[in-house]
Amino acid sequence: MGIFDRIKNAIFGEAQAAPAESAETAAPVEHTTSAPAASAAPAGLSPASSASVAPDAMAATPAAVDVSAIMDQAVAKSGQKLDWRHSIVDLMKALGLDSSLTARKELASEFNYTGDMSDSATMNIWLHKVLLKKLAENGGTVPAELLD
């Protein structure tokens, strides 16, 4: 698992823990209520296949995750004064992840950074912007001012 996956899982996993439990309890109800409607399946779909399509389609569209709220909670839990909105190091620290230069260089490699990795200030600014864009592309709601 790469560093981006760890960051994404730390943010999205926290946000989706409760909804995932309620979706699991709702799934059997959907199967039960969709059984009578299965006889009206479109041509080419058997009743069994149409019943199995609905839960998968719902699982493929996760609710948006409020990255700002999750990160603000993570900072509060950390007990440190961290500026995740402007610092990749603080963002990673807030999530309890390794924020070392080595870890950030690994993340830069994952994102295909072509700049000078020994210029950590420039790399950190680039990483922060790209990370927030990637989180938004993966279902995170990120404030517009952080995506510029």
Protein backbone atom coordinates (compact mmCIF):
# COMPACT_ATOMS: atom_id res chain seq x y z
CA MET A 1 0.00 0.00 0.00
CA GLY A 2 1.40 3.36 -1.03
CA ILE A 3 1.48 6.52 1.04
CA PHE A 4 -1.41 8.09 -0.89
CA ASP A 5 -3.53 5.03 -0.12
CA ARG A 6 -2.65 5.34 3.58
CA ILE A 7 -3.63 9.02 3.57
CA LYS A 8 -6.84 8.31 1.66
CA ASN A 9 -7.74 5.41 3.96
CA ALA A 10 -7.05 7.51 7.05
CA ILE A 11 -9.43 10.22 5.81
CA PHE A 12 -12.07 8.21 3.96
CA GLY A 13 -12.05 5.31 6.42
CA GLU A 14 -12.80 7.67 9.28
CA ALA A 15 -15.65 9.28 7.37
CA GLN A 16 -17.20 6.06 6.08
CA ALA A 17 -17.01 3.85 9.18
CA ALA A 18 -20.55 4.67 10.33
CA PRO A 19 -22.22 4.76 6.87
CA ALA A 20 -20.65 1.40 5.99
CA GLU A 21 -22.27 -0.21 9.02
CA SER A 22 -25.70 1.20 8.18
CA ALA A 23 -25.34 0.12 4.53
CA GLU A 24 -24.59 -3.43 5.66
CA THR A 25 -27.75 -3.56 7.73
CA ALA A 26 -29.79 -2.04 4.89
CA ALA A 27 -28.59 -4.52 2.25
CA PRO A 28 -30.75 -7.48 3.34
CA VAL A 29 -33.82 -5.25 3.31
CA GLU A 30 -33.08 -4.23 -0.30
CA HIS A 31 -32.79 -7.85 -1.40
CA THR A 32 -36.10 -8.66 0.24
CA THR A 33 -37.95 -5.69 -1.24
CA SER A 34 -36.42 -6.06 -4.70
CA ALA A 35 -37.45 -9.72 -5.09
CA PRO A 36 -41.01 -8.96 -6.30
CA ALA A 37 -39.71 -6.32 -8.71
CA ALA A 38 -37.14 -8.78 -10.09
CA SER A 39 -39.81 -10.41 -12.25
CA ALA A 40 -40.01 -7.13 -14.17
CA ALA A 41 -36.31 -7.25 -15.07
CA PRO A 42 -35.30 -5.79 -18.44
CA ALA A 43 -34.84 -8.21 -21.31
CA GLY A 44 -31.55 -10.09 -21.11
CA LEU A 45 -31.33 -9.94 -17.32
CA SER A 46 -32.53 -12.82 -15.23
CA PRO A 47 -34.29 -11.99 -11.95
CA ALA A 48 -31.20 -13.22 -10.07
CA SER A 49 -28.79 -11.00 -12.01
CA SER A 50 -30.95 -7.88 -11.70
CA ALA A 51 -31.16 -8.36 -7.94
CA SER A 52 -27.39 -8.61 -7.68
CA VAL A 53 -26.77 -5.49 -9.80
CA ALA A 54 -28.54 -3.01 -7.50
CA PRO A 55 -26.34 -3.43 -4.38
CA ASP A 56 -23.15 -3.28 -6.45
CA ALA A 57 -24.27 -0.10 -8.19
CA MET A 58 -24.98 1.52 -4.84
CA ALA A 59 -21.59 0.49 -3.48
CA ALA A 60 -19.85 2.09 -6.46
CA THR A 61 -21.22 5.55 -5.61
CA PRO A 62 -19.88 6.44 -2.15
CA ALA A 63 -21.04 9.62 -0.45
CA ALA A 64 -18.69 12.59 -0.63
CA VAL A 65 -16.27 12.85 2.28
CA ASP A 66 -15.79 16.25 3.93
CA VAL A 67 -11.99 16.33 4.01
CA SER A 68 -11.94 19.62 5.92
CA ALA A 69 -14.08 18.30 8.76
CA ILE A 70 -12.11 15.06 9.03
CA MET A 71 -8.79 16.90 9.05
CA ASP A 72 -9.98 19.47 11.60
CA GLN A 73 -11.03 16.59 13.89
CA ALA A 74 -7.68 14.87 13.37
CA VAL A 75 -5.81 18.05 14.31
CA ALA A 76 -7.97 18.46 17.42
CA LYS A 77 -7.28 14.84 18.44
CA SER A 78 -3.54 15.29 17.91
CA GLY A 79 -3.30 18.00 20.56
CA GLN A 80 -0.74 19.82 18.41
CA LYS A 81 -0.93 23.13 16.57
CA LEU A 82 -0.96 21.81 12.99
CA ASP A 83 -1.76 23.73 9.80
CA TRP A 84 -2.95 20.91 7.51
CA ARG A 85 -4.46 23.46 5.08
CA HIS A 86 -1.00 24.69 4.08
CA SER A 87 1.48 22.01 5.12
CA ILE A 88 1.86 18.47 3.82
CA VAL A 89 3.95 17.66 6.90
CA ASP A 90 1.22 18.87 9.26
CA LEU A 91 -1.45 17.06 7.25
CA MET A 92 0.43 13.78 7.56
CA LYS A 93 1.18 14.37 11.26
CA ALA A 94 -2.50 15.04 11.98
CA LEU A 95 -3.34 11.64 10.47
CA GLY A 96 -0.66 9.94 12.56
CA LEU A 97 1.39 9.06 9.48
CA ASP A 98 5.13 9.24 8.88
CA SER A 99 5.86 12.76 7.65
CA SER A 100 9.60 12.31 7.23
CA LEU A 101 11.43 13.55 4.15
CA THR A 102 11.80 9.93 3.04
CA ALA A 103 8.03 9.39 3.24
CA ARG A 104 7.36 12.63 1.37
CA LYS A 105 9.84 11.67 -1.34
CA GLU A 106 8.03 8.34 -1.69
CA LEU A 107 4.72 10.19 -2.03
CA ALA A 108 6.30 12.51 -4.61
CA SER A 109 7.41 9.45 -6.59
CA GLU A 110 3.86 8.03 -6.43
CA PHE A 111 2.61 11.31 -7.92
CA ASN A 112 5.37 11.36 -10.57
CA TYR A 113 7.07 14.50 -9.26
CA THR A 114 9.67 15.67 -11.76
CA GLY A 115 11.20 18.48 -9.73
CA ASP A 116 14.30 18.43 -7.55
CA MET A 117 13.55 16.30 -4.49
CA SER A 118 16.40 17.93 -2.61
CA ASP A 119 14.42 21.20 -2.76
CA SER A 120 12.01 20.02 -0.09
CA ALA A 121 10.17 23.34 0.26
CA THR A 122 9.12 23.37 -3.40
CA MET A 123 8.35 19.66 -3.35
CA ASN A 124 6.20 20.05 -0.20
CA ILE A 125 4.11 22.83 -1.74
CA TRP A 126 3.60 20.77 -4.90
CA LEU A 127 2.76 17.63 -2.88
CA HIS A 128 0.17 19.43 -0.80
CA LYS A 129 -1.64 20.79 -3.88
CA VAL A 130 -1.55 17.48 -5.74
CA LEU A 131 -2.66 15.51 -2.68
CA LEU A 132 -5.73 17.69 -2.15
CA LYS A 133 -6.61 17.42 -5.86
CA LYS A 134 -6.26 13.63 -5.71
CA LEU A 135 -8.47 13.47 -2.62
CA ALA A 136 -11.10 15.52 -4.46
CA GLU A 137 -10.84 13.23 -7.51
CA ASN A 138 -11.44 10.23 -5.24
CA GLY A 139 -14.65 11.51 -3.65
CA GLY A 140 -13.38 14.02 -1.11
CA THR A 141 -14.94 17.43 -0.71
CA VAL A 142 -12.07 19.90 -0.46
CA PRO A 143 -12.58 23.66 -0.02
CA ALA A 144 -12.20 25.45 -3.37
CA GLU A 145 -9.53 27.80 -2.04
CA LEU A 146 -7.29 24.80 -1.35
CA LEU A 147 -7.61 23.49 -4.91
CA ASP A 148 -6.23 26.58 -6.68
